[in-house]
């Protein structure tokens, strides 16, 4: 009987150890590992941008966007990798070469 109880405890411990790696859904409905629900991964897109930098004109293949700094453009690109902007010459944003995007 003691051996059976010990075997049950070992099985329960193994099951509890593996329960943290089961898939789960977070508050946004995205599939994540269950341990990430209780210990969330820190947001990698946290930028401390100031308005001290030079403004940059950027293009995403559809429109131009004038960002107040490179830092703000990098933060936008981090949060929106599917709509990535690349820096172009600043005069393009002021001389109407391509339509401007909405304000960022």
N, C-alpha and C. Protein backbone atom coordinates (compact mmCIF):
# COMPACT_ATOMS: atom_id res chain seq x y z
N UNK A 1 0.82 -1.19 0.00
CA UNK A 1 0.00 0.00 0.00
C UNK A 1 0.87 1.26 0.00
N UNK A 2 1.95 1.23 0.78
CA UNK A 2 2.84 2.38 0.84
C UNK A 2 3.48 2.64 -0.52
N UNK A 3 3.82 1.56 -1.23
CA UNK A 3 4.42 1.72 -2.54
C UNK A 3 3.43 2.34 -3.51
N UNK A 4 2.17 1.94 -3.42
CA UNK A 4 1.14 2.50 -4.30
C UNK A 4 0.95 3.99 -4.01
N UNK A 5 0.91 4.34 -2.74
CA UNK A 5 0.75 5.75 -2.35
C UNK A 5 1.96 6.57 -2.82
N UNK A 6 3.15 6.03 -2.68
CA UNK A 6 4.36 6.71 -3.15
C UNK A 6 4.33 6.88 -4.67
N UNK A 7 3.89 5.86 -5.37
CA UNK A 7 3.77 5.94 -6.82
C UNK A 7 2.76 7.01 -7.24
N UNK A 8 1.65 7.08 -6.51
CA UNK A 8 0.64 8.13 -6.79
C UNK A 8 1.21 9.52 -6.56
N UNK A 9 1.97 9.70 -5.50
CA UNK A 9 2.57 11.00 -5.20
C UNK A 9 3.58 11.39 -6.28
N UNK A 10 4.37 10.44 -6.74
CA UNK A 10 5.34 10.71 -7.80
C UNK A 10 4.60 11.09 -9.08
N UNK A 11 3.56 10.35 -9.41
CA UNK A 11 2.77 10.65 -10.60
C UNK A 11 2.14 12.04 -10.50
N UNK A 12 1.59 12.39 -9.34
CA UNK A 12 0.97 13.70 -9.14
C UNK A 12 2.02 14.81 -9.26
N UNK A 13 3.21 14.59 -8.74
CA UNK A 13 4.27 15.59 -8.83
C UNK A 13 4.70 15.78 -10.28
N UNK A 14 4.84 14.69 -11.02
CA UNK A 14 5.20 14.80 -12.43
C UNK A 14 4.12 15.52 -13.23
N UNK A 15 2.88 15.20 -12.94
CA UNK A 15 1.77 15.85 -13.65
C UNK A 15 1.74 17.35 -13.33
N UNK A 16 1.95 17.70 -12.06
CA UNK A 16 1.95 19.11 -11.67
C UNK A 16 3.12 19.86 -12.30
N UNK A 17 4.26 19.20 -12.42
CA UNK A 17 5.43 19.85 -13.04
C UNK A 17 5.19 20.11 -14.52
N UNK A 18 4.50 19.22 -15.19
CA UNK A 18 4.25 19.38 -16.62
C UNK A 18 3.01 20.22 -16.91
N UNK A 19 2.19 20.50 -15.92
CA UNK A 19 0.97 21.28 -16.15
C UNK A 19 1.30 22.71 -16.55
N UNK A 20 2.46 23.22 -16.14
CA UNK A 20 2.81 24.60 -16.46
C UNK A 20 3.21 24.79 -17.92
N UNK A 21 3.45 23.70 -18.64
CA UNK A 21 3.85 23.83 -20.03
C UNK A 21 2.72 23.50 -21.00
N UNK A 22 1.51 23.37 -20.49
CA UNK A 22 0.37 23.12 -21.35
C UNK A 22 -0.05 24.42 -22.02
N UNK A 23 -0.57 24.35 -23.25
CA UNK A 23 -1.02 25.58 -23.91
C UNK A 23 -2.26 26.15 -23.23
N UNK A 24 -2.39 27.47 -23.29
CA UNK A 24 -3.54 28.17 -22.71
C UNK A 24 -3.80 29.40 -23.56
N UNK A 25 -4.87 30.11 -23.28
CA UNK A 25 -5.18 31.35 -23.98
C UNK A 25 -5.01 32.52 -23.01
N UNK A 26 -4.36 33.60 -23.49
CA UNK A 26 -4.20 34.78 -22.65
C UNK A 26 -5.43 35.68 -22.77
N UNK A 27 -5.37 36.89 -22.19
CA UNK A 27 -6.52 37.80 -22.18
C UNK A 27 -6.87 38.31 -23.56
N UNK A 28 -5.95 38.16 -24.54
CA UNK A 28 -6.21 38.61 -25.91
C UNK A 28 -6.68 37.46 -26.80
N UNK A 29 -6.86 36.27 -26.23
CA UNK A 29 -7.28 35.11 -27.00
C UNK A 29 -6.16 34.44 -27.77
N UNK A 30 -4.91 34.83 -27.51
CA UNK A 30 -3.76 34.26 -28.18
C UNK A 30 -3.30 33.01 -27.43
N UNK A 31 -2.86 32.00 -28.17
CA UNK A 31 -2.36 30.78 -27.54
C UNK A 31 -0.97 31.03 -26.98
N UNK A 32 -0.78 30.74 -25.71
CA UNK A 32 0.50 30.88 -25.04
C UNK A 32 0.70 29.67 -24.14
N UNK A 33 1.91 29.50 -23.63
CA UNK A 33 2.15 28.44 -22.66
C UNK A 33 1.58 28.88 -21.32
N UNK A 34 1.06 27.93 -20.60
CA UNK A 34 0.35 28.25 -19.35
C UNK A 34 1.23 28.99 -18.36
N UNK A 35 2.53 28.72 -18.33
CA UNK A 35 3.40 29.43 -17.39
C UNK A 35 3.53 30.91 -17.77
N UNK A 36 3.29 31.27 -19.05
CA UNK A 36 3.34 32.67 -19.46
C UNK A 36 2.10 33.43 -19.00
N UNK A 37 1.00 32.71 -18.76
CA UNK A 37 -0.21 33.37 -18.25
C UNK A 37 0.03 33.85 -16.84
N UNK A 38 0.71 33.04 -16.03
CA UNK A 38 0.96 33.40 -14.64
C UNK A 38 2.24 34.21 -14.47
N UNK A 39 3.20 34.06 -15.37
CA UNK A 39 4.46 34.81 -15.36
C UNK A 39 4.64 35.43 -16.73
N UNK A 40 3.92 36.52 -17.04
CA UNK A 40 3.96 37.06 -18.39
C UNK A 40 5.35 37.52 -18.81
N UNK A 41 5.61 37.35 -20.11
CA UNK A 41 6.87 37.81 -20.68
C UNK A 41 6.81 39.33 -20.77
N UNK A 42 7.88 39.99 -20.38
CA UNK A 42 7.93 41.45 -20.40
C UNK A 42 7.81 41.96 -21.84
N UNK A 43 7.06 43.02 -22.02
CA UNK A 43 6.85 43.60 -23.34
C UNK A 43 8.18 44.09 -23.89
N UNK A 44 8.60 43.55 -25.04
CA UNK A 44 9.88 43.93 -25.63
C UNK A 44 9.79 45.26 -26.37
N UNK A 45 8.59 45.79 -26.52
CA UNK A 45 8.41 47.02 -27.29
C UNK A 45 8.21 48.25 -26.40
N UNK A 46 8.76 48.22 -25.21
CA UNK A 46 8.69 49.39 -24.33
C UNK A 46 9.87 50.29 -24.66
N UNK A 47 9.59 51.46 -25.18
CA UNK A 47 10.63 52.43 -25.53
C UNK A 47 10.41 53.69 -24.70
N UNK A 48 11.47 54.32 -24.27
CA UNK A 48 11.39 55.60 -23.55
C UNK A 48 11.83 56.70 -24.50
N UNK A 49 10.94 57.07 -25.40
CA UNK A 49 11.27 58.06 -26.42
C UNK A 49 10.99 59.47 -25.90
N UNK A 50 11.83 60.38 -26.29
CA UNK A 50 11.61 61.80 -25.98
C UNK A 50 11.36 62.53 -27.29
N UNK A 51 10.94 63.75 -27.21
CA UNK A 51 10.74 64.56 -28.40
C UNK A 51 11.99 65.39 -28.72
N UNK A 52 13.13 64.97 -28.19
CA UNK A 52 14.38 65.68 -28.37
C UNK A 52 15.06 65.35 -29.70
N UNK A 53 14.76 64.18 -30.28
CA UNK A 53 15.45 63.76 -31.50
C UNK A 53 14.97 64.51 -32.73
N UNK A 54 15.66 64.29 -33.84
CA UNK A 54 15.28 64.89 -35.11
C UNK A 54 14.13 64.10 -35.71
N UNK A 55 13.22 64.79 -36.36
CA UNK A 55 12.12 64.10 -37.01
C UNK A 55 12.64 63.33 -38.21
N UNK A 56 11.98 62.22 -38.52
CA UNK A 56 12.39 61.38 -39.64
C UNK A 56 11.19 61.07 -40.52
N UNK A 57 11.41 61.07 -41.81
CA UNK A 57 10.40 60.69 -42.78
C UNK A 57 10.60 59.21 -43.07
N UNK A 58 9.51 58.44 -43.11
CA UNK A 58 9.62 57.00 -43.33
C UNK A 58 8.55 56.54 -44.31
N UNK A 59 8.84 55.43 -44.98
CA UNK A 59 7.95 54.90 -46.01
C UNK A 59 7.71 53.42 -45.75
N UNK A 60 6.46 52.98 -45.89
CA UNK A 60 6.14 51.57 -45.66
C UNK A 60 5.69 50.84 -46.93
N UNK A 61 5.92 51.44 -48.08
CA UNK A 61 5.51 50.83 -49.34
C UNK A 61 4.17 51.33 -49.83
N UNK A 62 3.43 52.04 -48.96
CA UNK A 62 2.13 52.57 -49.33
C UNK A 62 2.02 54.07 -49.11
N UNK A 63 2.58 54.55 -48.03
CA UNK A 63 2.46 55.97 -47.71
C UNK A 63 3.67 56.42 -46.90
N UNK A 64 3.83 57.72 -46.80
CA UNK A 64 4.90 58.33 -46.02
C UNK A 64 4.38 58.72 -44.65
N UNK A 65 5.26 58.66 -43.67
CA UNK A 65 4.90 59.05 -42.30
C UNK A 65 6.03 59.87 -41.72
N UNK A 66 5.71 61.01 -41.12
CA UNK A 66 6.71 61.82 -40.45
C UNK A 66 6.66 61.50 -38.96
N UNK A 67 7.71 60.85 -38.45
CA UNK A 67 7.83 60.52 -37.03
C UNK A 67 8.63 61.61 -36.34
N UNK A 68 8.32 61.89 -35.09
CA UNK A 68 9.02 62.95 -34.36
C UNK A 68 10.44 62.55 -33.99
N UNK A 69 10.77 61.25 -34.04
CA UNK A 69 12.14 60.79 -33.77
C UNK A 69 12.32 59.38 -34.29
N UNK A 70 13.59 58.96 -34.42
CA UNK A 70 13.88 57.58 -34.82
C UNK A 70 13.35 56.61 -33.78
N UNK A 71 13.42 57.01 -32.52
CA UNK A 71 12.96 56.16 -31.43
C UNK A 71 11.46 55.85 -31.59
N UNK A 72 10.67 56.87 -31.89
CA UNK A 72 9.23 56.65 -32.06
C UNK A 72 8.94 55.77 -33.27
N UNK A 73 9.74 55.90 -34.33
CA UNK A 73 9.57 55.02 -35.48
C UNK A 73 9.92 53.57 -35.10
N UNK A 74 10.99 53.39 -34.34
CA UNK A 74 11.39 52.05 -33.90
C UNK A 74 10.32 51.42 -33.01
N UNK A 75 9.73 52.23 -32.13
CA UNK A 75 8.66 51.72 -31.27
C UNK A 75 7.46 51.30 -32.11
N UNK A 76 7.10 52.10 -33.10
CA UNK A 76 5.99 51.76 -33.99
C UNK A 76 6.30 50.46 -34.74
N UNK A 77 7.51 50.34 -35.29
CA UNK A 77 7.88 49.14 -36.03
C UNK A 77 7.88 47.90 -35.15
N UNK A 78 8.26 48.05 -33.90
CA UNK A 78 8.26 46.92 -32.98
C UNK A 78 6.83 46.43 -32.73
N UNK A 79 5.91 47.36 -32.56
CA UNK A 79 4.51 47.00 -32.28
C UNK A 79 3.73 46.61 -33.53
N UNK A 80 4.21 47.01 -34.70
CA UNK A 80 3.51 46.75 -35.96
C UNK A 80 4.47 46.19 -37.00
N UNK A 81 5.01 44.99 -36.78
CA UNK A 81 6.02 44.46 -37.71
C UNK A 81 5.47 44.22 -39.12
N UNK A 82 4.18 44.05 -39.26
CA UNK A 82 3.59 43.84 -40.59
C UNK A 82 3.45 45.14 -41.36
N UNK A 83 3.57 46.29 -40.70
CA UNK A 83 3.46 47.60 -41.35
C UNK A 83 4.75 48.39 -41.16
N UNK A 84 5.87 47.75 -41.29
CA UNK A 84 7.18 48.33 -41.00
C UNK A 84 7.52 49.53 -41.88
N UNK A 85 8.03 50.59 -41.25
CA UNK A 85 8.48 51.80 -41.95
C UNK A 85 10.00 51.79 -42.05
N UNK A 86 10.52 52.31 -43.17
CA UNK A 86 11.96 52.50 -43.36
C UNK A 86 12.21 53.99 -43.62
N UNK A 87 13.32 54.48 -43.10
CA UNK A 87 13.64 55.91 -43.23
C UNK A 87 13.96 56.25 -44.68
N UNK A 88 13.41 57.38 -45.12
CA UNK A 88 13.71 57.94 -46.44
C UNK A 88 14.11 59.40 -46.24
N UNK A 89 14.44 60.08 -47.32
CA UNK A 89 14.85 61.48 -47.22
C UNK A 89 13.69 62.31 -46.66
N UNK A 90 14.02 63.25 -45.75
CA UNK A 90 12.98 64.06 -45.10
C UNK A 90 12.18 64.93 -46.07
N UNK A 91 12.80 65.36 -47.16
CA UNK A 91 12.07 66.23 -48.09
C UNK A 91 10.86 65.52 -48.69
N UNK A 92 10.86 64.20 -48.74
CA UNK A 92 9.74 63.47 -49.32
C UNK A 92 8.44 63.71 -48.55
N UNK A 93 8.53 63.90 -47.24
CA UNK A 93 7.32 64.13 -46.43
C UNK A 93 6.79 65.55 -46.59
N UNK A 94 7.62 66.45 -47.08
CA UNK A 94 7.18 67.85 -47.17
C UNK A 94 6.83 68.28 -48.59
N UNK A 95 7.22 67.49 -49.58
CA UNK A 95 6.99 67.92 -50.97
C UNK A 95 5.93 67.08 -51.70
N UNK A 96 5.15 66.29 -50.98
CA UNK A 96 4.02 65.59 -51.58
C UNK A 96 4.35 64.55 -52.63
N UNK A 97 5.45 63.80 -52.45
CA UNK A 97 5.83 62.77 -53.42
C UNK A 97 4.86 61.59 -53.41
N UNK A 98 4.51 61.10 -52.27
CA UNK A 98 3.60 59.97 -52.08
C UNK A 98 2.60 60.42 -51.03
N UNK A 99 1.40 59.90 -51.02
CA UNK A 99 0.43 60.31 -49.98
C UNK A 99 0.97 60.08 -48.58
N UNK A 100 0.68 61.02 -47.69
CA UNK A 100 1.07 60.88 -46.29
C UNK A 100 0.07 59.98 -45.57
N UNK A 101 0.58 59.17 -44.66
CA UNK A 101 -0.28 58.35 -43.80
C UNK A 101 -0.95 59.27 -42.79
N UNK A 102 -1.88 58.72 -42.04
CA UNK A 102 -2.48 59.52 -40.98
C UNK A 102 -1.44 59.80 -39.91
N UNK A 103 -1.71 60.74 -39.04
CA UNK A 103 -0.76 61.12 -37.97
C UNK A 103 -0.50 59.94 -37.06
N UNK A 104 0.77 59.76 -36.68
CA UNK A 104 1.14 58.67 -35.76
C UNK A 104 1.21 59.19 -34.34
